[in-house]
Amino acid sequence: MGFLRVCYFLSAFFMVGSMPSGEHESPLELAEQNPEVLVWLLEKLFDVKVSGYHHARPQPTEVRKLVPSTYRADGMMLLCDAADRSLMSVVLEVQRAWDPGKRWTLKTYVAHLEAELEVNAALLVYCPSAAVARRYREMFESEGVSLHLRPLVFTPGDVPLVVDVERARVEPALAMFSVLCHGGDAGIEASFPALTEALRALGPRKGPLYHEIVLAGLPAALWDRWETHMNSALGRPYRSKLLGETAARAHAESAARMLLTALDARGVHVTEDVRDRIRSCTDLDQFDTWLRRAVTATTIDDVIHE
C-alpha cells in the first residue's frame, strides 16, 4: 500500500478530516515508494546515520488509545538491513500549517512506534513554510518535565533543487523529492531535464508510477509547462493520465455550468437533485444532448429524460 491514495488515505488530520491535497500527499507517497528519500534526509540534513540500510517496510499509520479514538500519522516506515533486521523506524509528517495540538499527538506517534517495534523512532517533519517550521522547532525546545521529543524539522530550503542530469540519474528519488519541495519556485523549470532523466532511470515499469506521484504534488499552473517540456523531450505529443483526467473533468464542469446557465436563462426550474446529477455527470456526449434540448425547453423534463 502507498502513501498517496489519490481520493483518500493518509489524512492530514489525526482524526479523519478534510480531503488532503496532492501537494500534501505526494511527498509521502514518494517516500514510501522510495524510502531512500528518508535515509537521505536523516543522514544529509540531520547527521543521523542508518548504517547497513538495505530496504524498508511500511508500518500501519493508525494509533489507537485506551479511550476509543484513532489518530493517524501521515506515514510510518521501518528501515531494515539486508537480513531484514530492524535498524530504525521513521514517522514522516507533512505540516503545512501551525497546529499547537501536535505537541501531544506527535509524541503519541513516536511512543507508539517505539513500543510496537522496540526500535528507536525518528520524527521527520516537512514544513513547506519556513515560518511554520520555526514554530514547530520552538514548540519542543523547552519541555519541562514532559517527555522530550526532538523532531527533525526541515523546509524546502534544506533540500537542494536537483538540476544536474547525472546526479538525477544516480539519485532519482532525491531529484523527484526536490521538485516536490520547490514546485512553487520561479526557477523550477531548470529542474525539468533532471526530472526527466530521473524518471527514465527508473525504467518503463516504475517511471510512469513515479511520474503521476510527482505531477500530483506540483501546482496545477505548472502542468502545462511540464507537458510542453515533455513534448519536446520525447519528440511526440505527450499526455499523462493525470493531465488527461484533469482536462476531462474541467470540460465536464464547464459544460455543467453552461447547461445550468442556459436553463436559468429560459426560466426552467431545476431541483437540487437534478443540479447534483448535472454537476456529477462526466459524459460530454450527454451534455451535448442536454444542451441541444435546453435551447427549446420549458421544463426540466424536456431536457433530462431517458
Protein backbone atom coordinates (compact mmCIF):
# COMPACT_ATOMS: atom_id res chain seq x y z
CA MET A 1 0.00 0.00 0.00
CA GLY A 2 1.26 3.51 -0.78
CA PHE A 3 1.09 6.89 0.89
CA LEU A 4 -0.91 8.72 -1.78
CA ARG A 5 -4.38 7.08 -2.13
CA VAL A 6 -5.47 9.72 -4.64
CA CYS A 7 -9.01 10.08 -3.26
CA TYR A 8 -8.30 9.26 0.36
CA PHE A 9 -5.67 7.71 2.51
CA LEU A 10 -3.30 9.40 4.90
CA SER A 11 -5.45 12.18 6.36
CA ALA A 12 -3.82 15.49 7.10
CA PHE A 13 -5.52 15.39 10.47
CA PHE A 14 -5.22 12.93 13.33
CA MET A 15 -8.95 12.46 13.39
CA VAL A 16 -10.45 11.83 9.97
CA GLY A 17 -10.75 15.31 8.48
CA SER A 18 -10.91 17.12 5.18
CA MET A 19 -9.51 15.66 1.97
CA PRO A 20 -5.73 16.03 1.80
CA SER A 21 -4.24 17.72 -1.25
CA GLY A 22 -1.82 16.31 -3.79
CA GLU A 23 0.85 18.68 -2.53
CA HIS A 24 0.43 17.11 0.93
CA GLU A 25 0.25 13.50 -0.24
CA SER A 26 2.88 13.33 -2.98
CA PRO A 27 5.97 13.66 -0.72
CA LEU A 28 4.51 10.91 1.49
CA GLU A 29 3.77 8.60 -1.41
CA LEU A 30 7.21 9.17 -2.89
CA ALA A 31 8.88 8.41 0.44
CA GLU A 32 7.03 5.13 0.79
CA GLN A 33 7.63 4.07 -2.79
CA ASN A 34 11.32 5.00 -2.47
CA PRO A 35 12.44 5.07 1.21
CA GLU A 36 15.95 6.15 0.15
CA VAL A 37 14.47 9.65 0.46
CA LEU A 38 14.07 9.12 4.22
CA VAL A 39 17.62 7.82 4.57
CA TRP A 40 18.97 10.82 2.61
CA LEU A 41 17.05 13.27 4.81
CA LEU A 42 18.22 11.62 8.03
CA GLU A 43 21.88 11.40 7.02
CA LYS A 44 22.38 14.57 4.97
CA LEU A 45 20.23 17.05 6.88
CA PHE A 46 20.44 15.76 10.45
CA ASP A 47 23.58 13.60 10.56
CA VAL A 48 21.55 10.59 11.71
CA LYS A 49 23.38 7.57 10.28
CA VAL A 50 21.48 4.47 9.19
CA SER A 51 24.37 2.04 8.88
CA GLY A 52 23.65 -1.11 6.90
CA TYR A 53 20.37 0.12 5.41
CA HIS A 54 19.05 -2.22 2.73
CA HIS A 55 15.27 -1.87 2.49
CA ALA A 56 12.21 -0.63 4.34
CA ARG A 57 8.78 -1.89 5.34
CA PRO A 58 5.72 0.38 5.65
CA GLN A 59 4.00 0.37 9.03
CA PRO A 60 0.31 0.90 9.87
CA THR A 61 -0.32 4.59 10.45
CA GLU A 62 -3.24 4.21 12.88
CA VAL A 63 -2.53 4.76 16.58
CA ARG A 64 -5.29 3.67 18.98
CA LYS A 65 -5.75 4.98 22.51
CA LEU A 66 -7.41 3.50 25.58
CA VAL A 67 -10.26 5.98 25.22
CA PRO A 68 -11.85 4.90 21.91
CA SER A 69 -10.32 7.13 19.27
CA THR A 70 -7.86 6.73 16.45
CA TYR A 71 -5.04 9.05 15.45
CA ARG A 72 -3.50 8.69 12.03
CA ALA A 73 0.08 9.63 11.19
CA ASP A 74 0.96 10.70 7.68
CA GLY A 75 3.50 7.91 7.24
CA MET A 76 5.43 5.31 9.24
CA MET A 77 8.33 3.24 7.93
CA LEU A 78 10.69 0.63 9.37
CA LEU A 79 14.23 0.70 7.94
CA CYS A 80 15.92 -2.71 7.78
CA ASP A 81 19.27 -4.24 6.85
CA ALA A 82 19.88 -6.96 4.26
CA ALA A 83 18.91 -9.65 6.78
CA ASP A 84 15.60 -7.83 7.46
CA ARG A 85 16.75 -6.81 10.94
CA SER A 86 15.24 -3.57 12.24
CA LEU A 87 17.58 -0.58 12.20
CA MET A 88 15.34 2.40 12.86
CA SER A 89 11.72 3.45 12.43
CA VAL A 90 10.62 6.74 10.93
CA VAL A 91 7.50 8.86 11.34
CA LEU A 92 7.08 11.27 8.43
CA GLU A 93 4.71 14.22 8.84
CA VAL A 94 3.85 16.99 6.38
CA GLN A 95 2.78 20.12 8.26
CA ARG A 96 1.51 22.92 6.02
CA ALA A 97 0.01 24.94 8.89
CA TRP A 98 0.56 25.55 12.58
CA ASP A 99 -1.31 23.24 14.96
CA PRO A 100 -0.44 23.55 18.69
CA GLY A 101 -2.12 20.20 19.34
CA LYS A 102 0.80 18.50 17.60
CA ARG A 103 2.78 18.88 20.84
CA TRP A 104 0.88 15.88 22.17
CA THR A 105 -0.05 13.81 19.13
CA LEU A 106 3.43 13.74 17.60
CA LYS A 107 4.67 12.22 20.85
CA THR A 108 1.91 9.62 20.59
CA TYR A 109 3.16 8.55 17.17
CA VAL A 110 6.77 8.16 18.25
CA ALA A 111 5.92 6.39 21.53
CA HIS A 112 3.58 4.01 19.73
CA LEU A 113 6.12 3.09 17.07
CA GLU A 114 8.94 2.50 19.57
CA ALA A 115 6.72 0.41 21.84
CA GLU A 116 5.38 -1.67 18.95
CA LEU A 117 8.70 -2.28 17.19
CA GLU A 118 11.14 -1.92 20.10
CA VAL A 119 13.44 0.23 17.99
CA ASN A 120 14.35 3.93 18.00
CA ALA A 121 11.99 6.16 16.04
CA ALA A 122 12.98 9.34 14.22
CA LEU A 123 10.33 12.00 13.65
CA LEU A 124 10.76 13.82 10.32
CA VAL A 125 8.54 16.87 9.89
CA TYR A 126 8.38 18.59 6.50
CA CYS A 127 7.09 22.18 6.58
CA PRO A 128 6.76 23.97 3.22
CA SER A 129 6.67 27.26 5.16
CA ALA A 130 9.82 28.40 6.98
CA ALA A 131 7.67 30.35 9.46
CA VAL A 132 5.63 27.24 10.33
CA ALA A 133 8.84 25.20 10.65
CA ARG A 134 10.25 27.72 13.11
CA ARG A 135 7.17 27.45 15.32
CA TYR A 136 7.38 23.65 15.42
CA ARG A 137 11.06 23.78 16.31
CA GLU A 138 10.38 26.27 19.11
CA MET A 139 7.47 24.23 20.44
CA PHE A 140 9.77 21.41 21.53
CA GLU A 141 12.74 23.44 22.72
CA SER A 142 11.51 23.52 26.33
CA GLU A 143 9.54 20.52 27.51
CA GLY A 144 9.95 20.95 31.26
CA VAL A 145 9.26 17.63 32.98
CA SER A 146 7.42 16.27 29.93
CA LEU A 147 8.75 13.54 27.66
CA HIS A 148 11.37 15.22 25.49
CA LEU A 149 10.83 14.97 21.74
CA ARG A 150 13.39 16.03 19.13
CA PRO A 151 11.59 16.44 15.83
CA LEU A 152 13.77 16.68 12.73
CA VAL A 153 12.09 19.64 11.04
CA PHE A 154 13.06 20.62 7.51
CA THR A 155 11.84 23.00 4.80
CA PRO A 156 12.30 23.29 1.03
CA GLY A 157 15.34 25.45 1.73
CA ASP A 158 17.08 22.44 3.27
CA VAL A 159 16.60 20.26 0.16
CA PRO A 160 18.66 21.29 -2.89
CA LEU A 161 16.84 21.53 -6.20
CA VAL A 162 18.45 18.90 -8.42
CA VAL A 163 19.18 20.35 -11.86
CA ASP A 164 22.19 18.17 -12.72
CA VAL A 165 21.14 15.39 -15.07
CA GLU A 166 23.88 13.00 -13.98
CA ARG A 167 23.01 13.42 -10.30
CA ALA A 168 19.34 12.78 -11.12
CA ARG A 169 20.32 9.55 -12.88
CA VAL A 170 22.24 8.37 -9.80
CA GLU A 171 19.79 9.69 -7.19
CA PRO A 172 16.36 9.68 -8.86
CA ALA A 173 14.46 9.69 -5.55
CA LEU A 174 16.21 12.87 -4.42
CA ALA A 175 15.62 14.51 -7.80
CA MET A 176 11.88 13.84 -7.59
CA PHE A 177 11.60 14.86 -3.95
CA SER A 178 13.46 18.10 -4.64
CA VAL A 179 10.98 19.00 -7.38
CA LEU A 180 8.09 18.47 -4.94
CA CYS A 181 9.81 20.72 -2.41
CA HIS A 182 10.46 23.50 -4.92
CA GLY A 183 7.36 23.26 -7.11
CA GLY A 184 6.43 26.87 -6.39
CA ASP A 185 9.87 28.33 -7.14
CA ALA A 186 10.28 30.72 -10.07
CA GLY A 187 13.20 28.68 -11.43
CA ILE A 188 11.59 25.26 -11.14
CA GLU A 189 11.72 24.64 -14.90
CA ALA A 190 15.51 24.39 -14.69
CA SER A 191 14.95 21.02 -12.99
CA PHE A 192 12.80 19.57 -15.79
CA PRO A 193 15.67 17.91 -17.71
CA ALA A 194 16.95 16.33 -14.49
CA LEU A 195 13.46 15.16 -13.54
CA THR A 196 13.02 13.64 -16.99
CA GLU A 197 16.28 11.72 -16.57
CA ALA A 198 15.29 10.55 -13.08
CA LEU A 199 12.03 9.11 -14.43
CA ARG A 200 13.88 7.49 -17.34
CA ALA A 201 16.39 5.93 -14.91
CA LEU A 202 13.54 4.25 -13.03
CA GLY A 203 12.59 2.28 -16.14
CA PRO A 204 9.32 1.72 -18.03
CA ARG A 205 7.60 -0.07 -15.15
CA LYS A 206 8.32 2.30 -12.26
CA GLY A 207 8.78 5.54 -14.19
CA PRO A 208 5.08 6.13 -15.03
CA LEU A 209 4.04 5.48 -11.41
CA TYR A 210 6.54 7.99 -10.04
CA HIS A 211 5.62 10.45 -12.77
CA GLU A 212 1.98 10.57 -11.63
CA ILE A 213 3.07 10.89 -7.98
CA VAL A 214 5.31 13.87 -8.74
CA LEU A 215 2.81 15.53 -11.06
CA ALA A 216 0.04 15.28 -8.45
CA GLY A 217 2.25 17.17 -5.99
CA LEU A 218 3.06 20.06 -8.32
CA PRO A 219 0.95 23.22 -8.64
CA ALA A 220 -1.62 22.82 -11.42
CA ALA A 221 -0.28 26.02 -13.02
CA LEU A 222 2.95 24.14 -13.75
CA TRP A 223 1.36 21.22 -15.57
CA ASP A 224 1.17 22.88 -19.00
CA ARG A 225 4.84 23.86 -18.85
CA TRP A 226 5.81 20.33 -17.87
CA GLU A 227 3.72 18.95 -20.74
CA THR A 228 5.44 21.32 -23.18
CA HIS A 229 8.85 20.17 -21.92
CA MET A 230 7.89 16.51 -22.28
CA ASN A 231 6.58 17.06 -25.83
CA SER A 232 9.99 18.48 -26.72
CA ALA A 233 11.99 15.84 -24.81
CA LEU A 234 10.07 12.92 -26.32
CA GLY A 235 9.67 14.41 -29.78
CA ARG A 236 5.98 13.45 -29.83
CA PRO A 237 2.69 14.56 -28.25
CA TYR A 238 2.63 13.72 -24.56
CA ARG A 239 -0.23 13.46 -22.12
CA SER A 240 -0.16 11.94 -18.67
CA LYS A 241 -3.09 10.03 -17.25
CA LEU A 242 -3.49 12.66 -14.53
CA LEU A 243 -3.45 15.56 -17.01
CA GLY A 244 -5.95 13.78 -19.22
CA GLU A 245 -8.32 13.11 -16.33
CA THR A 246 -7.96 16.69 -15.08
CA ALA A 247 -8.72 18.14 -18.51
CA ALA A 248 -11.77 15.90 -18.93
CA ARG A 249 -13.07 16.90 -15.51
CA ALA A 250 -12.57 20.59 -16.33
CA HIS A 251 -14.52 20.19 -19.61
CA ALA A 252 -17.37 18.45 -17.78
CA GLU A 253 -17.53 21.15 -15.11
CA SER A 254 -17.61 23.83 -17.81
CA ALA A 255 -20.41 22.02 -19.66
CA ALA A 256 -22.42 21.72 -16.44
CA ARG A 257 -22.13 25.46 -15.82
CA MET A 258 -23.18 26.21 -19.41
CA LEU A 259 -26.24 23.95 -19.16
CA LEU A 260 -27.40 25.39 -15.83
CA THR A 261 -26.90 28.93 -17.16
CA ALA A 262 -28.96 28.12 -20.26
CA LEU A 263 -31.76 26.63 -18.18
CA ASP A 264 -31.76 29.62 -15.87
CA ALA A 265 -31.93 32.00 -18.85
CA ARG A 266 -35.03 30.17 -20.13
CA GLY A 267 -36.66 30.27 -16.69
CA VAL A 268 -36.60 26.50 -16.28
CA HIS A 269 -36.88 25.41 -12.66
CA VAL A 270 -34.13 22.94 -11.67
CA THR A 271 -34.39 20.99 -8.42
CA GLU A 272 -31.33 20.36 -6.26
CA ASP A 273 -31.38 16.65 -7.12
CA VAL A 274 -31.22 17.44 -10.83
CA ARG A 275 -28.49 20.05 -10.25
CA ASP A 276 -26.45 17.40 -8.44
CA ARG A 277 -26.99 14.97 -11.33
CA ILE A 278 -25.84 17.58 -13.84
CA ARG A 279 -22.77 18.54 -11.79
CA SER A 280 -21.73 14.91 -11.28
CA CYS A 281 -22.03 13.98 -14.96
CA THR A 282 -18.73 13.47 -16.81
CA ASP A 283 -20.17 12.31 -20.17
CA LEU A 284 -19.57 15.12 -22.69
CA ASP A 285 -21.84 13.44 -25.27
CA GLN A 286 -24.64 13.52 -22.72
CA PHE A 287 -24.03 17.21 -22.11
CA ASP A 288 -24.24 17.82 -25.87
CA THR A 289 -27.68 16.18 -25.93
CA TRP A 290 -28.89 18.12 -22.89
CA LEU A 291 -27.66 21.45 -24.25
CA ARG A 292 -29.47 20.91 -27.58
CA ARG A 293 -32.68 20.15 -25.74
CA ALA A 294 -32.25 23.16 -23.42
CA VAL A 295 -32.49 25.56 -26.36
CA THR A 296 -36.27 25.00 -26.64
CA ALA A 297 -37.08 23.53 -23.21
CA THR A 298 -39.86 24.89 -20.98
CA THR A 299 -39.47 22.32 -18.17
CA ILE A 300 -36.55 20.27 -16.91
CA ASP A 301 -38.33 17.12 -18.16
CA ASP A 302 -37.83 18.44 -21.69
CA VAL A 303 -34.07 18.29 -21.11
CA ILE A 304 -33.38 15.34 -18.86
CA HIS A 305 -35.35 12.23 -19.64
CA GLU A 306 -34.49 8.68 -20.52
